[in-house]
Protein backbone atom coordinates (compact mmCIF):
# COMPACT_ATOMS: atom_id res chain seq x y z
CA UNK A 1 131.94 99.41 111.62
CA UNK A 2 129.26 98.47 109.09
CA UNK A 3 129.07 95.44 106.88
CA UNK A 4 129.11 96.06 103.13
CA UNK A 5 126.81 94.09 100.84
CA UNK A 6 126.83 95.39 97.30
CA UNK A 7 126.12 99.11 97.30
CA UNK A 8 123.69 98.83 100.19
CA UNK A 9 125.83 99.23 103.29
CA UNK A 10 124.60 97.98 106.65
CA UNK A 11 125.47 100.75 109.07
CA UNK A 12 124.93 98.88 112.31
CA UNK A 13 122.63 99.07 115.28
CA UNK A 14 121.05 102.30 116.50
CA UNK A 15 118.65 102.93 119.37
CA UNK A 16 117.73 106.43 118.18
CA UNK A 17 114.00 106.89 117.61
CA UNK A 18 113.02 108.55 114.34
CA UNK A 19 110.22 111.04 113.83
CA UNK A 20 107.30 109.54 111.93
CA UNK A 21 105.61 112.87 111.06
CA UNK A 22 106.00 114.27 107.53
CA UNK A 23 108.44 111.54 106.57
CA UNK A 24 109.28 111.08 102.91
CA UNK A 25 109.12 107.55 101.56
CA UNK A 26 110.92 105.78 98.74
CA UNK A 27 110.01 102.65 96.82
CA UNK A 28 112.84 100.30 95.82
CA UNK A 29 112.48 99.81 92.05
CA UNK A 30 115.51 97.58 91.48
CA UNK A 31 118.15 95.89 93.58
CA UNK A 32 121.60 97.42 94.01
CA UNK A 33 123.03 93.95 94.58
CA UNK A 34 123.00 90.48 93.05
CA UNK A 35 122.41 89.16 96.58
CA UNK A 36 119.02 87.40 96.79
CA UNK A 37 118.28 88.99 100.17
CA UNK A 38 118.46 92.48 98.68
CA UNK A 39 116.30 91.45 95.73
CA UNK A 40 113.54 90.95 98.31
CA UNK A 41 113.62 94.71 98.95
CA UNK A 42 112.33 95.43 95.42
CA UNK A 43 108.77 96.70 95.60
CA UNK A 44 109.08 97.58 99.30
CA UNK A 45 108.68 101.15 100.48
CA UNK A 46 110.77 102.73 103.22
CA UNK A 47 110.85 105.93 105.25
CA UNK A 48 113.71 108.23 104.24
CA UNK A 49 115.77 108.81 107.38
CA UNK A 50 118.42 110.95 105.73
CA UNK A 51 120.06 112.02 102.48
CA UNK A 52 123.81 111.95 101.91
CA UNK A 53 125.79 115.15 101.29
CA UNK A 54 125.77 114.78 97.52
CA UNK A 55 122.06 113.79 97.21
CA UNK A 56 123.08 110.48 95.66
CA UNK A 57 121.64 108.08 98.23
CA UNK A 58 119.07 107.92 101.00
CA UNK A 59 119.29 106.30 104.41
CA UNK A 60 116.58 103.70 105.05
CA UNK A 61 115.80 101.27 107.85
CA UNK A 62 116.04 97.78 106.33
CA UNK A 63 114.93 95.90 109.43
CA UNK A 64 113.23 97.75 112.28
CA UNK A 65 113.41 94.88 114.78
CA UNK A 66 117.15 94.45 114.33
CA UNK A 67 117.72 98.19 113.81
CA UNK A 68 119.60 97.61 110.55
CA UNK A 69 120.06 100.73 108.44
CA UNK A 70 121.54 101.17 104.99
CA UNK A 71 122.21 103.71 102.26
CA UNK A 72 120.27 103.10 99.05
CA UNK A 73 121.55 104.82 95.88
CA UNK A 74 118.83 107.03 94.35
CA UNK A 75 119.15 105.27 90.99
CA UNK A 76 117.54 102.22 92.62
CA UNK A 77 114.51 103.94 94.09
CA UNK A 78 111.60 106.17 93.22
CA UNK A 79 109.79 108.53 95.57
CA UNK A 80 106.31 107.73 96.83
């Protein structure tokens, strides 16, 4: 399964291509983790690939080369 790091969960590897047209973007305004690696995400903007059932987090691609995806709680991001 995925690897959990703070509230940002790494979901694993996916080879599914995502549509780039009319994609919503979010900007990470604060880190959901005390992990230094996740602090580097602050200020970065990401395509929103999905929203969870309760509209509390969005799915983002953290690393396109490695196909690493994660769920980012909405309290840590603002829409672009």
